[in-house]
N, C-alpha and C. Protein backbone atom coordinates (compact mmCIF):
# COMPACT_ATOMS: atom_id res chain seq x y z
N LEU A 1 -34.86 -80.13 22.88
CA LEU A 1 -34.30 -78.89 22.38
C LEU A 1 -34.25 -78.84 20.85
N LEU A 2 -34.40 -79.98 20.21
CA LEU A 2 -34.32 -79.99 18.76
C LEU A 2 -35.41 -79.14 18.11
N ASN A 3 -36.56 -79.07 18.74
CA ASN A 3 -37.66 -78.31 18.16
C ASN A 3 -37.80 -76.92 18.77
N SER A 4 -36.85 -76.49 19.56
CA SER A 4 -36.96 -75.19 20.22
C SER A 4 -36.52 -74.07 19.26
N THR A 5 -37.02 -72.88 19.55
CA THR A 5 -36.64 -71.69 18.78
C THR A 5 -36.18 -70.62 19.77
N GLU A 6 -35.80 -69.48 19.27
CA GLU A 6 -35.41 -68.37 20.13
C GLU A 6 -36.55 -67.97 21.05
N CYS A 7 -37.78 -68.21 20.63
CA CYS A 7 -38.95 -67.86 21.43
C CYS A 7 -39.06 -68.72 22.68
N ASP A 8 -38.28 -69.80 22.75
CA ASP A 8 -38.29 -70.68 23.91
C ASP A 8 -37.19 -70.32 24.92
N TRP A 9 -36.39 -69.30 24.64
CA TRP A 9 -35.32 -68.91 25.55
C TRP A 9 -35.92 -68.32 26.81
N GLY A 10 -35.44 -68.72 27.94
CA GLY A 10 -35.83 -68.11 29.21
C GLY A 10 -37.30 -68.26 29.53
N GLU A 11 -37.73 -67.49 30.50
CA GLU A 11 -39.12 -67.45 30.93
C GLU A 11 -39.91 -66.56 29.96
N PRO A 12 -41.23 -66.70 29.93
CA PRO A 12 -42.03 -65.90 28.99
C PRO A 12 -41.81 -64.39 29.10
N TYR A 13 -41.52 -63.88 30.28
CA TYR A 13 -41.31 -62.44 30.44
C TYR A 13 -39.91 -62.02 29.98
N GLU A 14 -39.02 -62.96 29.72
CA GLU A 14 -37.65 -62.63 29.33
C GLU A 14 -37.50 -62.50 27.81
N VAL A 15 -38.18 -63.35 27.07
CA VAL A 15 -38.15 -63.30 25.61
C VAL A 15 -39.58 -63.33 25.12
N ASN A 16 -39.97 -62.27 24.42
CA ASN A 16 -41.33 -62.20 23.88
C ASN A 16 -41.27 -62.29 22.37
N CYS A 17 -42.26 -62.98 21.82
CA CYS A 17 -42.34 -63.16 20.38
C CYS A 17 -43.73 -62.81 19.89
N THR A 18 -43.78 -62.35 18.65
CA THR A 18 -45.03 -62.14 17.95
C THR A 18 -44.95 -62.94 16.67
N ASN A 19 -45.89 -63.84 16.48
CA ASN A 19 -45.88 -64.73 15.31
C ASN A 19 -44.54 -65.46 15.17
N PHE A 20 -44.01 -65.94 16.30
CA PHE A 20 -42.77 -66.71 16.37
C PHE A 20 -41.53 -65.92 15.95
N VAL A 21 -41.60 -64.60 16.08
CA VAL A 21 -40.46 -63.73 15.79
C VAL A 21 -40.14 -62.95 17.06
N VAL A 22 -38.89 -62.99 17.49
CA VAL A 22 -38.48 -62.31 18.72
C VAL A 22 -38.61 -60.80 18.54
N ASP A 23 -39.37 -60.16 19.46
CA ASP A 23 -39.46 -58.70 19.42
C ASP A 23 -39.03 -58.05 20.72
N SER A 24 -38.76 -58.85 21.77
CA SER A 24 -38.35 -58.28 23.04
C SER A 24 -37.47 -59.27 23.80
N VAL A 25 -36.33 -58.78 24.31
CA VAL A 25 -35.43 -59.57 25.14
C VAL A 25 -35.21 -58.76 26.42
N ASN A 26 -35.49 -59.38 27.57
CA ASN A 26 -35.40 -58.69 28.85
C ASN A 26 -34.66 -59.56 29.86
N PHE A 27 -33.38 -59.28 30.03
CA PHE A 27 -32.58 -59.98 31.02
C PHE A 27 -31.92 -58.98 31.98
N VAL A 28 -32.68 -58.00 32.46
CA VAL A 28 -32.18 -57.05 33.45
C VAL A 28 -31.89 -57.83 34.73
N GLU A 29 -30.71 -57.60 35.28
CA GLU A 29 -30.27 -58.34 36.48
C GLU A 29 -30.40 -59.84 36.27
N GLY A 30 -30.04 -60.28 35.05
CA GLY A 30 -30.20 -61.69 34.69
C GLY A 30 -29.00 -62.56 34.96
N GLY A 31 -27.95 -61.98 35.57
CA GLY A 31 -26.76 -62.77 35.85
C GLY A 31 -25.94 -63.07 34.61
N LEU A 32 -26.11 -62.27 33.56
CA LEU A 32 -25.35 -62.49 32.32
C LEU A 32 -23.94 -61.95 32.47
N PHE A 33 -22.99 -62.63 31.83
CA PHE A 33 -21.61 -62.16 31.82
C PHE A 33 -20.98 -62.53 30.48
N GLY A 34 -19.88 -61.89 30.17
CA GLY A 34 -19.22 -62.14 28.89
C GLY A 34 -19.60 -61.08 27.88
N THR A 35 -19.70 -61.47 26.62
CA THR A 35 -19.99 -60.53 25.55
C THR A 35 -21.35 -60.84 24.92
N ILE A 36 -21.91 -59.85 24.26
CA ILE A 36 -23.15 -60.06 23.52
C ILE A 36 -22.77 -60.68 22.18
N PRO A 37 -23.37 -61.79 21.79
CA PRO A 37 -23.00 -62.42 20.52
C PRO A 37 -23.46 -61.58 19.32
N GLY A 38 -22.69 -61.61 18.26
CA GLY A 38 -23.01 -60.87 17.05
C GLY A 38 -24.33 -61.28 16.42
N GLU A 39 -24.78 -62.47 16.73
CA GLU A 39 -26.05 -62.96 16.19
C GLU A 39 -27.24 -62.12 16.64
N ILE A 40 -27.05 -61.26 17.63
CA ILE A 40 -28.13 -60.37 18.06
C ILE A 40 -28.61 -59.53 16.87
N GLY A 41 -27.73 -59.26 15.94
CA GLY A 41 -28.07 -58.50 14.75
C GLY A 41 -29.04 -59.22 13.82
N LEU A 42 -29.21 -60.51 14.01
CA LEU A 42 -30.14 -61.28 13.18
C LEU A 42 -31.58 -61.13 13.64
N LEU A 43 -31.78 -60.55 14.81
CA LEU A 43 -33.13 -60.36 15.34
C LEU A 43 -33.70 -59.05 14.80
N SER A 44 -33.98 -59.02 13.52
CA SER A 44 -34.34 -57.78 12.83
C SER A 44 -35.66 -57.17 13.27
N SER A 45 -36.50 -57.92 13.97
CA SER A 45 -37.78 -57.37 14.46
C SER A 45 -37.70 -56.95 15.92
N LEU A 46 -36.50 -56.98 16.49
CA LEU A 46 -36.32 -56.66 17.90
C LEU A 46 -36.68 -55.20 18.18
N LYS A 47 -37.61 -54.99 19.09
CA LYS A 47 -38.03 -53.65 19.48
C LYS A 47 -37.44 -53.24 20.82
N THR A 48 -37.26 -54.22 21.72
CA THR A 48 -36.79 -53.94 23.06
C THR A 48 -35.64 -54.88 23.41
N LEU A 49 -34.53 -54.30 23.85
CA LEU A 49 -33.38 -55.08 24.31
C LEU A 49 -32.97 -54.51 25.66
N ARG A 50 -33.26 -55.25 26.72
CA ARG A 50 -32.95 -54.82 28.08
C ARG A 50 -31.92 -55.78 28.68
N LEU A 51 -30.70 -55.32 28.77
CA LEU A 51 -29.62 -56.13 29.32
C LEU A 51 -28.88 -55.39 30.44
N GLY A 52 -29.54 -54.44 31.07
CA GLY A 52 -28.93 -53.66 32.13
C GLY A 52 -28.65 -54.48 33.37
N LYS A 53 -27.72 -53.98 34.18
CA LYS A 53 -27.37 -54.55 35.48
C LYS A 53 -26.90 -56.01 35.37
N ASN A 54 -25.98 -56.25 34.46
CA ASN A 54 -25.35 -57.55 34.32
C ASN A 54 -23.84 -57.37 34.40
N LYS A 55 -23.10 -58.32 33.89
CA LYS A 55 -21.64 -58.22 33.87
C LYS A 55 -21.14 -58.42 32.45
N LEU A 56 -21.82 -57.77 31.51
CA LEU A 56 -21.41 -57.84 30.12
C LEU A 56 -20.21 -56.94 29.91
N LYS A 57 -19.32 -57.32 28.99
CA LYS A 57 -18.07 -56.59 28.83
C LYS A 57 -17.70 -56.43 27.36
N ASP A 58 -16.55 -55.87 27.14
CA ASP A 58 -15.99 -55.55 25.83
C ASP A 58 -16.78 -54.41 25.19
N SER A 59 -16.75 -54.30 23.90
CA SER A 59 -17.39 -53.16 23.25
C SER A 59 -18.85 -53.47 22.91
N ILE A 60 -19.62 -52.42 22.72
CA ILE A 60 -21.01 -52.56 22.27
C ILE A 60 -20.97 -52.88 20.79
N LEU A 61 -21.69 -53.87 20.38
CA LEU A 61 -21.67 -54.32 19.00
C LEU A 61 -22.30 -53.31 18.04
N THR A 62 -21.68 -53.13 16.91
CA THR A 62 -22.25 -52.26 15.88
C THR A 62 -23.59 -52.79 15.39
N GLU A 63 -23.77 -54.10 15.41
CA GLU A 63 -25.02 -54.71 14.94
C GLU A 63 -26.25 -54.18 15.68
N ILE A 64 -26.07 -53.81 16.94
CA ILE A 64 -27.21 -53.31 17.72
C ILE A 64 -27.72 -52.00 17.12
N GLY A 65 -26.82 -51.15 16.68
CA GLY A 65 -27.23 -49.89 16.09
C GLY A 65 -27.90 -50.03 14.74
N LEU A 66 -27.81 -51.22 14.16
CA LEU A 66 -28.40 -51.45 12.84
C LEU A 66 -29.77 -52.15 12.92
N LEU A 67 -30.25 -52.40 14.12
CA LEU A 67 -31.56 -53.06 14.27
C LEU A 67 -32.66 -52.04 13.93
N PRO A 68 -33.39 -52.27 12.85
CA PRO A 68 -34.31 -51.25 12.34
C PRO A 68 -35.53 -50.95 13.21
N SER A 69 -35.95 -51.88 14.05
CA SER A 69 -37.16 -51.69 14.85
C SER A 69 -36.89 -51.34 16.30
N LEU A 70 -35.63 -51.26 16.69
CA LEU A 70 -35.28 -51.07 18.10
C LEU A 70 -35.76 -49.72 18.61
N SER A 71 -36.54 -49.75 19.69
CA SER A 71 -37.05 -48.50 20.27
C SER A 71 -36.68 -48.35 21.74
N LEU A 72 -36.14 -49.41 22.34
CA LEU A 72 -35.71 -49.33 23.74
C LEU A 72 -34.46 -50.18 23.91
N LEU A 73 -33.38 -49.56 24.38
CA LEU A 73 -32.10 -50.25 24.54
C LEU A 73 -31.52 -49.92 25.90
N TRP A 74 -31.46 -50.91 26.76
CA TRP A 74 -30.87 -50.76 28.09
C TRP A 74 -29.60 -51.60 28.17
N LEU A 75 -28.47 -50.94 28.18
CA LEU A 75 -27.18 -51.61 28.37
C LEU A 75 -26.46 -51.03 29.58
N ASP A 76 -27.22 -50.35 30.44
CA ASP A 76 -26.66 -49.66 31.59
C ASP A 76 -26.09 -50.63 32.63
N GLN A 77 -25.17 -50.12 33.42
CA GLN A 77 -24.59 -50.80 34.58
C GLN A 77 -24.01 -52.17 34.23
N ASN A 78 -23.17 -52.17 33.20
CA ASN A 78 -22.40 -53.34 32.81
C ASN A 78 -20.93 -52.95 32.83
N ASN A 79 -20.12 -53.64 32.07
CA ASN A 79 -18.69 -53.34 32.01
C ASN A 79 -18.23 -53.10 30.58
N PHE A 80 -19.09 -52.45 29.78
CA PHE A 80 -18.72 -52.16 28.40
C PHE A 80 -17.60 -51.13 28.39
N GLU A 81 -16.76 -51.20 27.35
CA GLU A 81 -15.66 -50.28 27.22
C GLU A 81 -15.46 -49.90 25.77
N GLY A 82 -14.64 -48.89 25.54
CA GLY A 82 -14.37 -48.44 24.19
C GLY A 82 -15.36 -47.35 23.77
N SER A 83 -15.41 -47.11 22.49
CA SER A 83 -16.28 -46.06 21.95
C SER A 83 -17.67 -46.60 21.64
N ILE A 84 -18.65 -45.72 21.81
CA ILE A 84 -20.01 -46.06 21.40
C ILE A 84 -20.00 -46.12 19.88
N PRO A 85 -20.46 -47.22 19.29
CA PRO A 85 -20.41 -47.34 17.82
C PRO A 85 -21.19 -46.23 17.13
N THR A 86 -20.64 -45.73 16.04
CA THR A 86 -21.33 -44.68 15.28
C THR A 86 -22.67 -45.18 14.74
N GLU A 87 -22.82 -46.47 14.56
CA GLU A 87 -24.08 -47.05 14.08
C GLU A 87 -25.23 -46.77 15.04
N MET A 88 -24.92 -46.48 16.30
CA MET A 88 -25.98 -46.15 17.26
C MET A 88 -26.71 -44.89 16.82
N GLY A 89 -26.04 -44.05 16.05
CA GLY A 89 -26.66 -42.85 15.53
C GLY A 89 -27.74 -43.14 14.49
N MET A 90 -27.80 -44.39 14.03
CA MET A 90 -28.81 -44.77 13.05
C MET A 90 -30.13 -45.19 13.71
N LEU A 91 -30.11 -45.33 15.03
CA LEU A 91 -31.34 -45.67 15.74
C LEU A 91 -32.31 -44.51 15.64
N SER A 92 -33.58 -44.82 15.72
CA SER A 92 -34.60 -43.79 15.65
C SER A 92 -34.38 -42.76 16.76
N TRP A 93 -34.71 -41.51 16.49
CA TRP A 93 -34.55 -40.45 17.49
C TRP A 93 -35.39 -40.73 18.72
N SER A 94 -36.43 -41.55 18.58
CA SER A 94 -37.31 -41.84 19.72
C SER A 94 -36.84 -43.05 20.54
N THR A 95 -35.73 -43.67 20.15
CA THR A 95 -35.22 -44.82 20.90
C THR A 95 -34.77 -44.40 22.29
N GLN A 96 -35.24 -45.11 23.30
CA GLN A 96 -34.78 -44.88 24.67
C GLN A 96 -33.46 -45.62 24.85
N LEU A 97 -32.41 -44.90 25.12
CA LEU A 97 -31.06 -45.45 25.19
C LEU A 97 -30.48 -45.23 26.58
N TYR A 98 -30.14 -46.31 27.27
CA TYR A 98 -29.56 -46.24 28.61
C TYR A 98 -28.17 -46.88 28.57
N LEU A 99 -27.14 -46.07 28.75
CA LEU A 99 -25.76 -46.56 28.74
C LEU A 99 -25.00 -46.21 30.01
N TYR A 100 -25.63 -45.52 30.94
CA TYR A 100 -24.92 -45.05 32.14
C TYR A 100 -24.40 -46.24 32.97
N GLY A 101 -23.40 -45.98 33.76
CA GLY A 101 -22.85 -47.00 34.64
C GLY A 101 -21.86 -47.92 33.96
N ASN A 102 -21.36 -47.55 32.78
CA ASN A 102 -20.30 -48.26 32.10
C ASN A 102 -19.08 -47.33 32.12
N ALA A 103 -18.26 -47.47 33.15
CA ALA A 103 -17.19 -46.51 33.45
C ALA A 103 -16.20 -46.30 32.32
N ASN A 104 -15.96 -47.30 31.50
CA ASN A 104 -14.94 -47.20 30.47
C ASN A 104 -15.52 -47.03 29.07
N LEU A 105 -16.73 -46.53 29.00
CA LEU A 105 -17.40 -46.30 27.72
C LEU A 105 -17.26 -44.83 27.35
N SER A 106 -16.94 -44.55 26.11
CA SER A 106 -16.77 -43.16 25.68
C SER A 106 -17.50 -42.90 24.38
N GLY A 107 -17.71 -41.62 24.11
CA GLY A 107 -18.32 -41.24 22.84
C GLY A 107 -19.56 -40.42 23.00
């Protein structure tokens, strides 16, 4: 593990990299639970983030709305709560955004 990078996370279809930079994370129905770590904001080349149908909770991180290349965001069918961060408004108008199925999410 000493020589591993983020590109080594999961199976090849779960984390995709271009030139050793993460551009896609896909853990739909991945059995994830807890919160999304703030370090997700460090993946500045991330284009696709699919975390739907898990057991993620708490609020949606503002860092996600600040990802400049994000064009597809699936956070549907989790347990997120609170307000949708205003930073989500900074995503490109063409970003596909799925938030349904989070009963306690507002905004």
